[in-house]
Every structure is written in C-alpha cells, then in structure tokens.
Full PDB file with SEQRES, HELIX, SHEET, SSBOND, CRYST1, ORIGX, SCALE, CONECT and MASTER records, all heavy atoms in Angstrom:
SEQRES   1 A   40  LEU HIS GLU HIS THR HIS LEU TYR THR SER GLU LYS LEU          
SEQRES   2 A   40  ILE ALA PHE PRO GLY ARG ARG PHE LYS ILE ASP LYS THR          
SEQRES   3 A   40  VAL PRO TYR ASN LYS LYS SER LEU LYS GLU LEU GLN VAL          
SEQRES   4 A   40  ARG                                                          
HELIX    1 AA1 LYS A   31  LEU A   37  1                                   7    
CRYST1    1.000    1.000    1.000  90.00  90.00  90.00 P 1           1          
ORIGX1      1.000000  0.000000  0.000000        0.00000                         
ORIGX2      0.000000  1.000000  0.000000        0.00000                         
ORIGX3      0.000000  0.000000  1.000000        0.00000                         
SCALE1      1.000000  0.000000  0.000000        0.00000                         
SCALE2      0.000000  1.000000  0.000000        0.00000                         
SCALE3      0.000000  0.000000  1.000000        0.00000                         
ATOM      1  N   LEU A   1     -12.601   4.750  12.154  1.00  0.00           N  
ATOM      2  CA  LEU A   1     -13.151   5.682  11.165  1.00  0.00           C  
ATOM      3  C   LEU A   1     -14.456   5.151  10.576  1.00  0.00           C  
ATOM      4  O   LEU A   1     -15.331   5.930  10.205  1.00  0.00           O  
ATOM      5  CB  LEU A   1     -12.147   5.916  10.036  1.00  0.00           C  
ATOM      6  CG  LEU A   1     -10.799   6.538  10.424  1.00  0.00           C  
ATOM      7  CD1 LEU A   1     -10.015   6.905   9.172  1.00  0.00           C  
ATOM      8  CD2 LEU A   1     -10.984   7.771  11.300  1.00  0.00           C  
ATOM      9  N   HIS A   2     -14.571   3.825  10.480  1.00  0.00           N  
ATOM     10  CA  HIS A   2     -15.754   3.174   9.899  1.00  0.00           C  
ATOM     11  C   HIS A   2     -15.659   1.702  10.272  1.00  0.00           C  
ATOM     12  O   HIS A   2     -14.565   1.184  10.493  1.00  0.00           O  
ATOM     13  CB  HIS A   2     -15.759   3.364   8.374  1.00  0.00           C  
ATOM     14  CG  HIS A   2     -16.960   2.803   7.676  1.00  0.00           C  
ATOM     15  ND1 HIS A   2     -17.089   1.465   7.366  1.00  0.00           N  
ATOM     16  CD2 HIS A   2     -18.090   3.415   7.198  1.00  0.00           C  
ATOM     17  CE1 HIS A   2     -18.240   1.268   6.731  1.00  0.00           C  
ATOM     18  NE2 HIS A   2     -18.870   2.432   6.624  1.00  0.00           N  
ATOM     19  N   GLU A   3     -16.774   1.014  10.314  1.00  0.00           N  
ATOM     20  CA  GLU A   3     -16.777  -0.403  10.666  1.00  0.00           C  
ATOM     21  C   GLU A   3     -15.812  -1.216   9.809  1.00  0.00           C  
ATOM     22  O   GLU A   3     -15.145  -2.131  10.286  1.00  0.00           O  
ATOM     23  CB  GLU A   3     -18.203  -0.974  10.521  1.00  0.00           C  
ATOM     24  CG  GLU A   3     -18.322  -2.465  10.837  1.00  0.00           C  
ATOM     25  CD  GLU A   3     -18.088  -2.775  12.305  1.00  0.00           C  
ATOM     26  OE1 GLU A   3     -18.388  -1.926  13.163  1.00  0.00           O  
ATOM     27  OE2 GLU A   3     -17.600  -3.898  12.585  1.00  0.00           O  
ATOM     28  N   HIS A   4     -15.711  -0.883   8.532  1.00  0.00           N  
ATOM     29  CA  HIS A   4     -14.861  -1.642   7.613  1.00  0.00           C  
ATOM     30  C   HIS A   4     -13.618  -0.877   7.169  1.00  0.00           C  
ATOM     31  O   HIS A   4     -12.920  -1.305   6.257  1.00  0.00           O  
ATOM     32  CB  HIS A   4     -15.676  -2.076   6.397  1.00  0.00           C  
ATOM     33  CG  HIS A   4     -16.912  -2.853   6.754  1.00  0.00           C  
ATOM     34  ND1 HIS A   4     -16.849  -4.076   7.388  1.00  0.00           N  
ATOM     35  CD2 HIS A   4     -18.226  -2.544   6.605  1.00  0.00           C  
ATOM     36  CE1 HIS A   4     -18.088  -4.510   7.610  1.00  0.00           C  
ATOM     37  NE2 HIS A   4     -18.932  -3.607   7.151  1.00  0.00           N  
ATOM     38  N   THR A   5     -13.360   0.255   7.807  1.00  0.00           N  
ATOM     39  CA  THR A   5     -12.121   1.001   7.571  1.00  0.00           C  
ATOM     40  C   THR A   5     -11.240   0.765   8.789  1.00  0.00           C  
ATOM     41  O   THR A   5     -11.435   1.371   9.833  1.00  0.00           O  
ATOM     42  CB  THR A   5     -12.396   2.513   7.399  1.00  0.00           C  
ATOM     43  OG1 THR A   5     -13.327   2.688   6.333  1.00  0.00           O  
ATOM     44  CG2 THR A   5     -11.109   3.267   7.079  1.00  0.00           C  
ATOM     45  N   HIS A   6     -10.286  -0.124   8.661  1.00  0.00           N  
ATOM     46  CA  HIS A   6      -9.540  -0.564   9.836  1.00  0.00           C  
ATOM     47  C   HIS A   6      -8.387   0.387  10.157  1.00  0.00           C  
ATOM     48  O   HIS A   6      -7.219   0.024  10.199  1.00  0.00           O  
ATOM     49  CB  HIS A   6      -9.060  -1.997   9.640  1.00  0.00           C  
ATOM     50  CG  HIS A   6     -10.179  -2.953   9.353  1.00  0.00           C  
ATOM     51  ND1 HIS A   6     -11.333  -2.983  10.121  1.00  0.00           N  
ATOM     52  CD2 HIS A   6     -10.347  -3.874   8.376  1.00  0.00           C  
ATOM     53  CE1 HIS A   6     -12.156  -3.906   9.636  1.00  0.00           C  
ATOM     54  NE2 HIS A   6     -11.579  -4.449   8.580  1.00  0.00           N  
ATOM     55  N   LEU A   7      -8.775   1.633  10.395  1.00  0.00           N  
ATOM     56  CA  LEU A   7      -7.879   2.689  10.855  1.00  0.00           C  
ATOM     57  C   LEU A   7      -8.523   3.318  12.076  1.00  0.00           C  
ATOM     58  O   LEU A   7      -9.754   3.353  12.197  1.00  0.00           O  
ATOM     59  CB  LEU A   7      -7.657   3.743   9.764  1.00  0.00           C  
ATOM     60  CG  LEU A   7      -6.931   3.279   8.497  1.00  0.00           C  
ATOM     61  CD1 LEU A   7      -7.004   4.359   7.424  1.00  0.00           C  
ATOM     62  CD2 LEU A   7      -5.471   2.943   8.800  1.00  0.00           C  
ATOM     63  N   TYR A   8      -7.695   3.858  12.964  1.00  0.00           N  
ATOM     64  CA  TYR A   8      -8.177   4.347  14.254  1.00  0.00           C  
ATOM     65  C   TYR A   8      -7.670   5.762  14.477  1.00  0.00           C  
ATOM     66  O   TYR A   8      -6.662   6.180  13.901  1.00  0.00           O  
ATOM     67  CB  TYR A   8      -7.705   3.407  15.369  1.00  0.00           C  
ATOM     68  CG  TYR A   8      -8.169   1.983  15.137  1.00  0.00           C  
ATOM     69  CD1 TYR A   8      -7.491   1.151  14.246  1.00  0.00           C  
ATOM     70  CD2 TYR A   8      -9.299   1.484  15.771  1.00  0.00           C  
ATOM     71  CE1 TYR A   8      -7.934  -0.150  13.999  1.00  0.00           C  
ATOM     72  CE2 TYR A   8      -9.745   0.183  15.535  1.00  0.00           C  
ATOM     73  CZ  TYR A   8      -9.052  -0.627  14.638  1.00  0.00           C  
ATOM     74  OH  TYR A   8      -9.495  -1.899  14.387  1.00  0.00           O  
ATOM     75  N   THR A   9      -8.370   6.484  15.348  1.00  0.00           N  
ATOM     76  CA  THR A   9      -8.016   7.896  15.550  1.00  0.00           C  
ATOM     77  C   THR A   9      -8.169   8.290  17.017  1.00  0.00           C  
ATOM     78  O   THR A   9      -8.907   7.644  17.781  1.00  0.00           O  
ATOM     79  CB  THR A   9      -8.885   8.798  14.649  1.00  0.00           C  
ATOM     80  OG1 THR A   9      -8.376  10.129  14.661  1.00  0.00           O  
ATOM     81  CG2 THR A   9     -10.343   8.790  15.078  1.00  0.00           C  
ATOM     82  N   SER A  10      -7.436   9.344  17.405  1.00  0.00           N  
ATOM     83  CA  SER A  10      -7.524   9.886  18.760  1.00  0.00           C  
ATOM     84  C   SER A  10      -7.042  11.321  18.766  1.00  0.00           C  
ATOM     85  O   SER A  10      -6.375  11.779  17.828  1.00  0.00           O  
ATOM     86  CB  SER A  10      -6.680   9.058  19.734  1.00  0.00           C  
ATOM     87  OG  SER A  10      -5.293   9.254  19.469  1.00  0.00           O  
ATOM     88  N   GLU A  11      -7.368  12.033  19.846  1.00  0.00           N  
ATOM     89  CA  GLU A  11      -6.889  13.412  20.003  1.00  0.00           C  
ATOM     90  C   GLU A  11      -5.475  13.440  20.558  1.00  0.00           C  
ATOM     91  O   GLU A  11      -4.664  14.292  20.199  1.00  0.00           O  
ATOM     92  CB  GLU A  11      -7.827  14.201  20.925  1.00  0.00           C  
ATOM     93  CG  GLU A  11      -9.164  14.564  20.308  1.00  0.00           C  
ATOM     94  CD  GLU A  11      -9.052  15.561  19.165  1.00  0.00           C  
ATOM     95  OE1 GLU A  11      -7.944  16.065  18.909  1.00  0.00           O  
ATOM     96  OE2 GLU A  11     -10.077  15.823  18.513  1.00  0.00           O  
ATOM     97  N   LYS A  12      -5.167  12.484  21.471  1.00  0.00           N  
ATOM     98  CA  LYS A  12      -3.841  12.430  22.086  1.00  0.00           C  
ATOM     99  C   LYS A  12      -3.060  11.245  21.530  1.00  0.00           C  
ATOM    100  O   LYS A  12      -3.631  10.187  21.265  1.00  0.00           O  
ATOM    101  CB  LYS A  12      -3.962  12.322  23.607  1.00  0.00           C  
ATOM    102  CG  LYS A  12      -4.564  13.559  24.266  1.00  0.00           C  
ATOM    103  CD  LYS A  12      -4.613  13.399  25.784  1.00  0.00           C  
ATOM    104  CE  LYS A  12      -5.185  14.642  26.443  1.00  0.00           C  
ATOM    105  NZ  LYS A  12      -5.219  14.507  27.928  1.00  0.00           N  
ATOM    106  N   LEU A  13      -1.760  11.433  21.398  1.00  0.00           N  
ATOM    107  CA  LEU A  13      -0.908  10.377  20.859  1.00  0.00           C  
ATOM    108  C   LEU A  13      -0.675   9.291  21.916  1.00  0.00           C  
ATOM    109  O   LEU A  13      -0.366   9.590  23.067  1.00  0.00           O  
ATOM    110  CB  LEU A  13       0.437  10.970  20.424  1.00  0.00           C  
ATOM    111  CG  LEU A  13       1.419  10.015  19.749  1.00  0.00           C  
ATOM    112  CD1 LEU A  13       0.867   9.521  18.415  1.00  0.00           C  
ATOM    113  CD2 LEU A  13       2.772  10.691  19.547  1.00  0.00           C  
ATOM    114  N   ILE A  14      -0.816   8.020  21.502  1.00  0.00           N  
ATOM    115  CA  ILE A  14      -0.581   6.907  22.413  1.00  0.00           C  
ATOM    116  C   ILE A  14       0.381   5.899  21.770  1.00  0.00           C  
ATOM    117  O   ILE A  14       0.618   5.925  20.564  1.00  0.00           O  
ATOM    118  CB  ILE A  14      -1.900   6.181  22.771  1.00  0.00           C  
ATOM    119  CG1 ILE A  14      -2.513   5.532  21.514  1.00  0.00           C  
ATOM    120  CG2 ILE A  14      -2.880   7.119  23.454  1.00  0.00           C  
ATOM    121  CD1 ILE A  14      -3.577   4.500  21.804  1.00  0.00           C  
ATOM    122  N   ALA A  15       0.937   5.000  22.590  1.00  0.00           N  
ATOM    123  CA  ALA A  15       1.724   3.886  22.067  1.00  0.00           C  
ATOM    124  C   ALA A  15       0.773   2.918  21.379  1.00  0.00           C  
ATOM    125  O   ALA A  15      -0.350   2.692  21.855  1.00  0.00           O  
ATOM    126  CB  ALA A  15       2.475   3.195  23.200  1.00  0.00           C  
ATOM    127  N   PHE A  16       1.230   2.321  20.254  1.00  0.00           N  
ATOM    128  CA  PHE A  16       0.326   1.494  19.457  1.00  0.00           C  
ATOM    129  C   PHE A  16       1.119   0.488  18.633  1.00  0.00           C  
ATOM    130  O   PHE A  16       2.174   0.821  18.084  1.00  0.00           O  
ATOM    131  CB  PHE A  16      -0.504   2.386  18.523  1.00  0.00           C  
ATOM    132  CG  PHE A  16      -1.556   1.649  17.742  1.00  0.00           C  
ATOM    133  CD1 PHE A  16      -2.747   1.280  18.340  1.00  0.00           C  
ATOM    134  CD2 PHE A  16      -1.343   1.315  16.409  1.00  0.00           C  
ATOM    135  CE1 PHE A  16      -3.722   0.587  17.628  1.00  0.00           C  
ATOM    136  CE2 PHE A  16      -2.306   0.629  15.680  1.00  0.00           C  
ATOM    137  CZ  PHE A  16      -3.500   0.263  16.294  1.00  0.00           C  
ATOM    138  N   PRO A  17       0.635  -0.776  18.530  1.00  0.00           N  
ATOM    139  CA  PRO A  17       1.344  -1.787  17.737  1.00  0.00           C  
ATOM    140  C   PRO A  17       1.071  -1.655  16.237  1.00  0.00           C  
ATOM    141  O   PRO A  17       0.359  -2.443  15.635  1.00  0.00           O  
ATOM    142  CB  PRO A  17       0.782  -3.105  18.295  1.00  0.00           C  
ATOM    143  CG  PRO A  17      -0.588  -2.753  18.739  1.00  0.00           C  
ATOM    144  CD  PRO A  17      -0.509  -1.344  19.261  1.00  0.00           C  
ATOM    145  N   GLY A  18       1.644  -0.642  15.658  1.00  0.00           N  
ATOM    146  CA  GLY A  18       1.471  -0.374  14.236  1.00  0.00           C  
ATOM    147  C   GLY A  18       2.071   0.982  13.903  1.00  0.00           C  
ATOM    148  O   GLY A  18       2.865   1.530  14.668  1.00  0.00           O  
ATOM    149  N   ARG A  19       1.666   1.528  12.774  1.00  0.00           N  
ATOM    150  CA  ARG A  19       2.180   2.850  12.378  1.00  0.00           C  
ATOM    151  C   ARG A  19       1.292   3.957  12.933  1.00  0.00           C  
ATOM    152  O   ARG A  19       0.072   3.818  13.026  1.00  0.00           O  
ATOM    153  CB  ARG A  19       2.256   2.954  10.852  1.00  0.00           C  
ATOM    154  CG  ARG A  19       3.220   1.958  10.232  1.00  0.00           C  
ATOM    155  CD  ARG A  19       3.567   2.356   8.800  1.00  0.00           C  
ATOM    156  NE  ARG A  19       2.412   2.381   7.926  1.00  0.00           N  
ATOM    157  CZ  ARG A  19       2.436   2.819   6.665  1.00  0.00           C  
ATOM    158  NH1 ARG A  19       3.565   3.274   6.140  1.00  0.00           N  
ATOM    159  NH2 ARG A  19       1.338   2.810   5.919  1.00  0.00           N  
ATOM    160  N   ARG A  20       1.928   5.090  13.284  1.00  0.00           N  
ATOM    161  CA  ARG A  20       1.211   6.231  13.831  1.00  0.00           C  
ATOM    162  C   ARG A  20       1.471   7.460  12.958  1.00  0.00           C  
ATOM    163  O   ARG A  20       2.588   7.669  12.480  1.00  0.00           O  
ATOM    164  CB  ARG A  20       1.650   6.513  15.266  1.00  0.00           C  
ATOM    165  CG  ARG A  20       1.486   5.318  16.204  1.00  0.00           C  
ATOM    166  CD  ARG A  20       1.929   5.646  17.620  1.00  0.00           C  
ATOM    167  NE  ARG A  20       3.325   6.071  17.684  1.00  0.00           N  
ATOM    168  CZ  ARG A  20       3.902   6.614  18.749  1.00  0.00           C  
ATOM    169  NH1 ARG A  20       3.184   6.820  19.845  1.00  0.00           N  
ATOM    170  NH2 ARG A  20       5.175   6.946  18.728  1.00  0.00           N  
ATOM    171  N   PHE A  21       0.425   8.255  12.768  1.00  0.00           N  
ATOM    172  CA  PHE A  21       0.532   9.420  11.901  1.00  0.00           C  
ATOM    173  C   PHE A  21      -0.139  10.630  12.544  1.00  0.00           C  
ATOM    174  O   PHE A  21      -1.112  10.496  13.291  1.00  0.00           O  
ATOM    175  CB  PHE A  21      -0.153   9.161  10.551  1.00  0.00           C  
ATOM    176  CG  PHE A  21       0.420   8.001   9.790  1.00  0.00           C  
ATOM    177  CD1 PHE A  21      -0.059   6.709   9.998  1.00  0.00           C  
ATOM    178  CD2 PHE A  21       1.449   8.184   8.876  1.00  0.00           C  
ATOM    179  CE1 PHE A  21       0.464   5.635   9.298  1.00  0.00           C  
ATOM    180  CE2 PHE A  21       1.977   7.122   8.174  1.00  0.00           C  
ATOM    181  CZ  PHE A  21       1.482   5.840   8.389  1.00  0.00           C  
ATOM    182  N   LYS A  22       0.391  11.781  12.227  1.00  0.00           N  
ATOM    183  CA  LYS A  22      -0.271  13.056  12.566  1.00  0.00           C  
ATOM    184  C   LYS A  22      -1.123  13.440  11.359  1.00  0.00           C  
ATOM    185  O   LYS A  22      -0.640  13.460  10.231  1.00  0.00           O  
ATOM    186  CB  LYS A  22       0.790  14.129  12.828  1.00  0.00           C  
ATOM    187  CG  LYS A  22       0.245  15.537  12.969  1.00  0.00           C  
ATOM    188  CD  LYS A  22      -0.379  15.751  14.325  1.00  0.00           C  
ATOM    189  CE  LYS A  22      -0.568  17.232  14.646  1.00  0.00           C  
ATOM    190  NZ  LYS A  22      -1.320  17.993  13.634  1.00  0.00           N  
ATOM    191  N   ILE A  23      -2.414  13.682  11.594  1.00  0.00           N  
ATOM    192  CA  ILE A  23      -3.308  14.086  10.507  1.00  0.00           C  
ATOM    193  C   ILE A  23      -3.167  15.598  10.313  1.00  0.00           C  
ATOM    194  O   ILE A  23      -3.609  16.392  11.140  1.00  0.00           O  
ATOM    195  CB  ILE A  23      -4.772  13.705  10.809  1.00  0.00           C  
ATOM    196  CG1 ILE A  23      -4.886  12.197  11.039  1.00  0.00           C  
ATOM    197  CG2 ILE A  23      -5.681  14.152   9.663  1.00  0.00           C  
ATOM    198  CD1 ILE A  23      -6.267  11.728  11.449  1.00  0.00           C  
ATOM    199  N   ASP A  24      -2.543  15.976   9.225  1.00  0.00           N  
ATOM    200  CA  ASP A  24      -2.295  17.391   8.967  1.00  0.00           C  
ATOM    201  C   ASP A  24      -3.479  18.076   8.300  1.00  0.00           C  
ATOM    202  O   ASP A  24      -3.694  19.283   8.483  1.00  0.00           O  
ATOM    203  CB  ASP A  24      -1.048  17.547   8.074  1.00  0.00           C  
ATOM    204  CG  ASP A  24       0.191  16.960   8.727  1.00  0.00           C  
ATOM    205  OD1 ASP A  24       0.415  17.257   9.915  1.00  0.00           O  
ATOM    206  OD2 ASP A  24       0.919  16.189   8.068  1.00  0.00           O  
ATOM    207  N   LYS A  25      -4.253  17.308   7.555  1.00  0.00           N  
ATOM    208  CA  LYS A  25      -5.391  17.890   6.850  1.00  0.00           C  
ATOM    209  C   LYS A  25      -6.342  16.782   6.435  1.00  0.00           C  
ATOM    210  O   LYS A  25      -5.927  15.672   6.104  1.00  0.00           O  
ATOM    211  CB  LYS A  25      -4.902  18.648   5.614  1.00  0.00           C  
ATOM    212  CG  LYS A  25      -5.968  19.496   4.924  1.00  0.00           C  
ATOM    213  CD  LYS A  25      -5.386  20.241   3.717  1.00  0.00           C  
ATOM    214  CE  LYS A  25      -4.370  21.280   4.133  1.00  0.00           C  
ATOM    215  NZ  LYS A  25      -3.921  22.089   2.974  1.00  0.00           N  
ATOM    216  N   THR A  26      -7.634  17.097   6.464  1.00  0.00           N  
ATOM    217  CA  THR A  26      -8.661  16.174   5.982  1.00  0.00           C  
ATOM    218  C   THR A  26      -9.482  16.887   4.924  1.00  0.00           C  
ATOM    219  O   THR A  26     -10.020  17.979   5.180  1.00  0.00           O  
ATOM    220  CB  THR A  26      -9.581  15.712   7.129  1.00  0.00           C  
ATOM    221  OG1 THR A  26      -8.790  15.093   8.147  1.00  0.00           O  
ATOM    222  CG2 THR A  26     -10.610  14.721   6.625  1.00  0.00           C  
ATOM    223  N   VAL A  27      -9.570  16.278   3.726  1.00  0.00           N  
ATOM    224  CA  VAL A  27     -10.307  16.915   2.632  1.00  0.00           C  
ATOM    225  C   VAL A  27     -11.227  15.890   1.983  1.00  0.00           C  
ATOM    226  O   VAL A  27     -10.963  14.682   2.034  1.00  0.00           O  
ATOM    227  CB  VAL A  27      -9.349  17.502   1.563  1.00  0.00           C  
ATOM    228  CG1 VAL A  27      -8.468  18.591   2.169  1.00  0.00           C  
ATOM    229  CG2 VAL A  27      -8.493  16.418   0.924  1.00  0.00           C  
ATOM    230  N   PRO A  28     -12.312  16.342   1.367  1.00  0.00           N  
ATOM    231  CA  PRO A  28     -13.189  15.405   0.658  1.00  0.00           C  
ATOM    232  C   PRO A  28     -12.480  14.847  -0.577  1.00  0.00           C  
ATOM    233  O   PRO A  28     -11.579  15.491  -1.129  1.00  0.00           O  
ATOM    234  CB  PRO A  28     -14.394  16.273   0.276  1.00  0.00           C  
ATOM    235  CG  PRO A  28     -13.880  17.675   0.278  1.00  0.00           C  
ATOM    236  CD  PRO A  28     -12.825  17.730   1.338  1.00  0.00           C  
ATOM    237  N   TYR A  29     -12.897  13.678  -0.983  1.00  0.00           N  
ATOM    238  CA  TYR A  29     -12.266  13.061  -2.153  1.00  0.00           C  
ATOM    239  C   TYR A  29     -12.899  13.605  -3.426  1.00  0.00           C  
ATOM    240  O   TYR A  29     -14.045  13.289  -3.765  1.00  0.00           O  
ATOM    241  CB  TYR A  29     -12.424  11.547  -2.117  1.00  0.00           C  
ATOM    242  CG  TYR A  29     -11.950  10.879  -3.386  1.00  0.00           C  
ATOM    243  CD1 TYR A  29     -10.618  10.946  -3.770  1.00  0.00           C  
ATOM    244  CD2 TYR A  29     -12.847  10.195  -4.210  1.00  0.00           C  
ATOM    245  CE1 TYR A  29     -10.180  10.344  -4.937  1.00  0.00           C  
ATOM    246  CE2 TYR A  29     -12.404   9.577  -5.368  1.00  0.00           C  
ATOM    247  CZ  TYR A  29     -11.079   9.671  -5.741  1.00  0.00           C  
ATOM    248  OH  TYR A  29     -10.647   9.079  -6.902  1.00  0.00           O  
ATOM    249  N   ASN A  30     -12.156  14.471  -4.102  1.00  0.00           N  
ATOM    250  CA  ASN A  30     -12.547  14.943  -5.428  1.00  0.00           C  
ATOM    251  C   ASN A  30     -11.323  15.556  -6.118  1.00  0.00           C  
ATOM    252  O   ASN A  30     -10.285  15.780  -5.486  1.00  0.00           O  
ATOM    253  CB  ASN A  30     -13.701  15.957  -5.369  1.00  0.00           C  
ATOM    254  CG  ASN A  30     -13.387  17.156  -4.485  1.00  0.00           C  
ATOM    255  OD1 ASN A  30     -12.370  17.810  -4.647  1.00  0.00           O  
ATOM    256  ND2 ASN A  30     -14.281  17.421  -3.520  1.00  0.00           N  
ATOM    257  N   LYS A  31     -11.460  15.807  -7.391  1.00  0.00           N  
ATOM    258  CA  LYS A  31     -10.335  16.285  -8.193  1.00  0.00           C  
ATOM    259  C   LYS A  31      -9.870  17.654  -7.721  1.00  0.00           C  
ATOM    260  O   LYS A  31      -8.664  17.946  -7.656  1.00  0.00           O  
ATOM    261  CB  LYS A  31     -10.736  16.339  -9.664  1.00  0.00           C  
ATOM    262  CG  LYS A  31      -9.577  16.555 -10.618  1.00  0.00           C  
ATOM    263  CD  LYS A  31     -10.019  16.392 -12.057  1.00  0.00           C  
ATOM    264  CE  LYS A  31      -8.828  16.528 -12.994  1.00  0.00           C  
ATOM    265  NZ  LYS A  31      -9.253  16.341 -14.426  1.00  0.00           N  
ATOM    266  N   LYS A  32     -10.812  18.499  -7.327  1.00  0.00           N  
ATOM    267  CA  LYS A  32     -10.475  19.851  -6.892  1.00  0.00           C  
ATOM    268  C   LYS A  32      -9.628  19.823  -5.619  1.00  0.00           C  
ATOM    269  O   LYS A  32      -8.610  20.526  -5.505  1.00  0.00           O  
ATOM    270  CB  LYS A  32     -11.752  20.664  -6.663  1.00  0.00           C  
ATOM    271  CG  LYS A  32     -11.496  22.105  -6.214  1.00  0.00           C  
ATOM    272  CD  LYS A  32     -12.801  22.825  -5.931  1.00  0.00           C  
ATOM    273  CE  LYS A  32     -12.528  24.238  -5.405  1.00  0.00           C  
ATOM    274  NZ  LYS A  32     -13.790  24.927  -5.045  1.00  0.00           N  
ATOM    275  N   SER A  33     -10.028  18.996  -4.672  1.00  0.00           N  
ATOM    276  CA  SER A  33      -9.290  18.908  -3.406  1.00  0.00           C  
ATOM    277  C   SER A  33      -7.857  18.445  -3.630  1.00  0.00           C  
ATOM    278  O   SER A  33      -6.909  18.998  -3.052  1.00  0.00           O  
ATOM    279  CB  SER A  33      -9.993  17.938  -2.453  1.00  0.00           C  
ATOM    280  OG  SER A  33     -11.260  18.422  -2.100  1.00  0.00           O  
ATOM    281  N   LEU A  34      -7.701  17.428  -4.469  1.00  0.00           N  
ATOM    282  CA  LEU A  34      -6.361  16.931  -4.737  1.00  0.00           C  
ATOM    283  C   LEU A  34      -5.510  17.951  -5.469  1.00  0.00           C  
ATOM    284  O   LEU A  34      -4.312  18.086  -5.211  1.00  0.00           O  
ATOM    285  CB  LEU A  34      -6.437  15.630  -5.538  1.00  0.00           C  
ATOM    286  CG  LEU A  34      -6.390  14.347  -4.705  1.00  0.00           C  
ATOM    287  CD1 LEU A  34      -6.726  13.144  -5.543  1.00  0.00           C  
ATOM    288  CD2 LEU A  34      -5.035  14.170  -4.044  1.00  0.00           C  
ATOM    289  N   LYS A  35      -6.121  18.673  -6.382  1.00  0.00           N  
ATOM    290  CA  LYS A  35      -5.383  19.702  -7.122  1.00  0.00           C  
ATOM    291  C   LYS A  35      -4.899  20.800  -6.188  1.00  0.00           C  
ATOM    292  O   LYS A  35      -3.766  21.274  -6.295  1.00  0.00           O  
ATOM    293  CB  LYS A  35      -6.274  20.285  -8.220  1.00  0.00           C  
ATOM    294  CG  LYS A  35      -5.544  21.214  -9.182  1.00  0.00           C  
ATOM    295  CD  LYS A  35      -6.446  21.664 -10.304  1.00  0.00           C  
ATOM    296  CE  LYS A  35      -5.676  22.582 -11.267  1.00  0.00           C  
ATOM    297  NZ  LYS A  35      -6.561  23.045 -12.379  1.00  0.00           N  
ATOM    298  N   GLU A  36      -5.726  21.172  -5.238  1.00  0.00           N  
ATOM    299  CA  GLU A  36      -5.361  22.215  -4.278  1.00  0.00           C  
ATOM    300  C   GLU A  36      -4.241  21.766  -3.337  1.00  0.00           C  
ATOM    301  O   GLU A  36      -3.467  22.588  -2.839  1.00  0.00           O  
ATOM    302  CB  GLU A  36      -6.589  22.639  -3.475  1.00  0.00           C  
ATOM    303  CG  GLU A  36      -7.601  23.430  -4.291  1.00  0.00           C  
ATOM    304  CD  GLU A  36      -8.872  23.751  -3.509  1.00  0.00           C  
ATOM    305  OE1 GLU A  36      -9.028  23.186  -2.390  1.00  0.00           O  
ATOM    306  OE2 GLU A  36      -9.705  24.524  -4.022  1.00  0.00           O  
ATOM    307  N   LEU A  37      -4.151  20.449  -3.097  1.00  0.00           N  
ATOM    308  CA  LEU A  37      -3.077  19.935  -2.240  1.00  0.00           C  
ATOM    309  C   LEU A  37      -1.705  20.057  -2.895  1.00  0.00           C  
ATOM    310  O   LEU A  37      -0.688  20.127  -2.206  1.00  0.00           O  
ATOM    311  CB  LEU A  37      -3.340  18.459  -1.887  1.00  0.00           C  
ATOM    312  CG  LEU A  37      -4.499  18.175  -0.937  1.00  0.00           C  
ATOM    313  CD1 LEU A  37      -4.704  16.678  -0.793  1.00  0.00           C  
ATOM    314  CD2 LEU A  37      -4.261  18.811   0.435  1.00  0.00           C  
ATOM    315  N   GLN A  38      -1.696  20.064  -4.230  1.00  0.00           N  
ATOM    316  CA  GLN A  38      -0.454  20.195  -5.002  1.00  0.00           C  
ATOM    317  C   GLN A  38       0.589  19.139  -4.586  1.00  0.00           C  
ATOM    318  O   GLN A  38       1.758  19.445  -4.366  1.00  0.00           O  
ATOM    319  CB  GLN A  38       0.142  21.601  -4.861  1.00  0.00           C  
ATOM    320  CG  GLN A  38      -0.762  22.696  -5.420  1.00  0.00           C  
ATOM    321  CD  GLN A  38      -0.136  24.076  -5.319  1.00  0.00           C  
ATOM    322  OE1 GLN A  38       0.627  24.367  -4.397  1.00  0.00           O  
ATOM    323  NE2 GLN A  38      -0.456  24.942  -6.271  1.00  0.00           N  
ATOM    324  N   VAL A  39       0.126  17.918  -4.498  1.00  0.00           N  
ATOM    325  CA  VAL A  39       1.001  16.811  -4.114  1.00  0.00           C  
ATOM    326  C   VAL A  39       1.532  16.119  -5.373  1.00  0.00           C  
ATOM    327  O   VAL A  39       0.751  15.652  -6.203  1.00  0.00           O  
ATOM    328  CB  VAL A  39       0.245  15.793  -3.241  1.00  0.00           C  
ATOM    329  CG1 VAL A  39       1.126  14.578  -2.952  1.00  0.00           C  
ATOM    330  CG2 VAL A  39      -0.200  16.447  -1.940  1.00  0.00           C  
ATOM    331  N   ARG A  40       2.841  16.069  -5.493  1.00  0.00           N  
ATOM    332  CA  ARG A  40       3.456  15.386  -6.643  1.00  0.00           C  
ATOM    333  C   ARG A  40       4.001  14.012  -6.255  1.00  0.00           C  
ATOM    334  O   ARG A  40       4.040  13.097  -7.062  1.00  0.00           O  
ATOM    335  CB  ARG A  40       4.586  16.248  -7.224  1.00  0.00           C  
ATOM    336  CG  ARG A  40       4.093  17.537  -7.877  1.00  0.00           C  
ATOM    337  CD  ARG A  40       5.257  18.256  -8.576  1.00  0.00           C  
ATOM    338  NE  ARG A  40       4.808  19.436  -9.295  1.00  0.00           N  
ATOM    339  CZ  ARG A  40       4.665  20.641  -8.760  1.00  0.00           C  
ATOM    340  NH1 ARG A  40       4.941  20.815  -7.479  1.00  0.00           N  
ATOM    341  NH2 ARG A  40       4.252  21.660  -9.483  1.00  0.00           N  
TER     342      ARG A  40                                                      
MASTER        0    0    0    1    0    0    0    6  341    1    0    4          
END                                                                             
C-alpha cells in the first residue's frame, strides 16, 4: 500500500504467512466517512 505501510494487496486470494482479509470498502479518513459507516 505504501513503502512504510507494511500491508499488501491483490485481486485474487492467495496463501500467505499472516492474516488475510476481504476489503469490503475503502473510504477516506474523516469524521463524515466514519459516521456514515455506522460502526459501533
């Protein structure tokens, strides 16, 4: 994702020595975006 963001991404799921996640949504970091997510 970034030189100093030690997270990785792909279109297809692969085996990996760590945790794997499905990205359900990507939003900009701001108060409005978080409020719309309605995450408690």
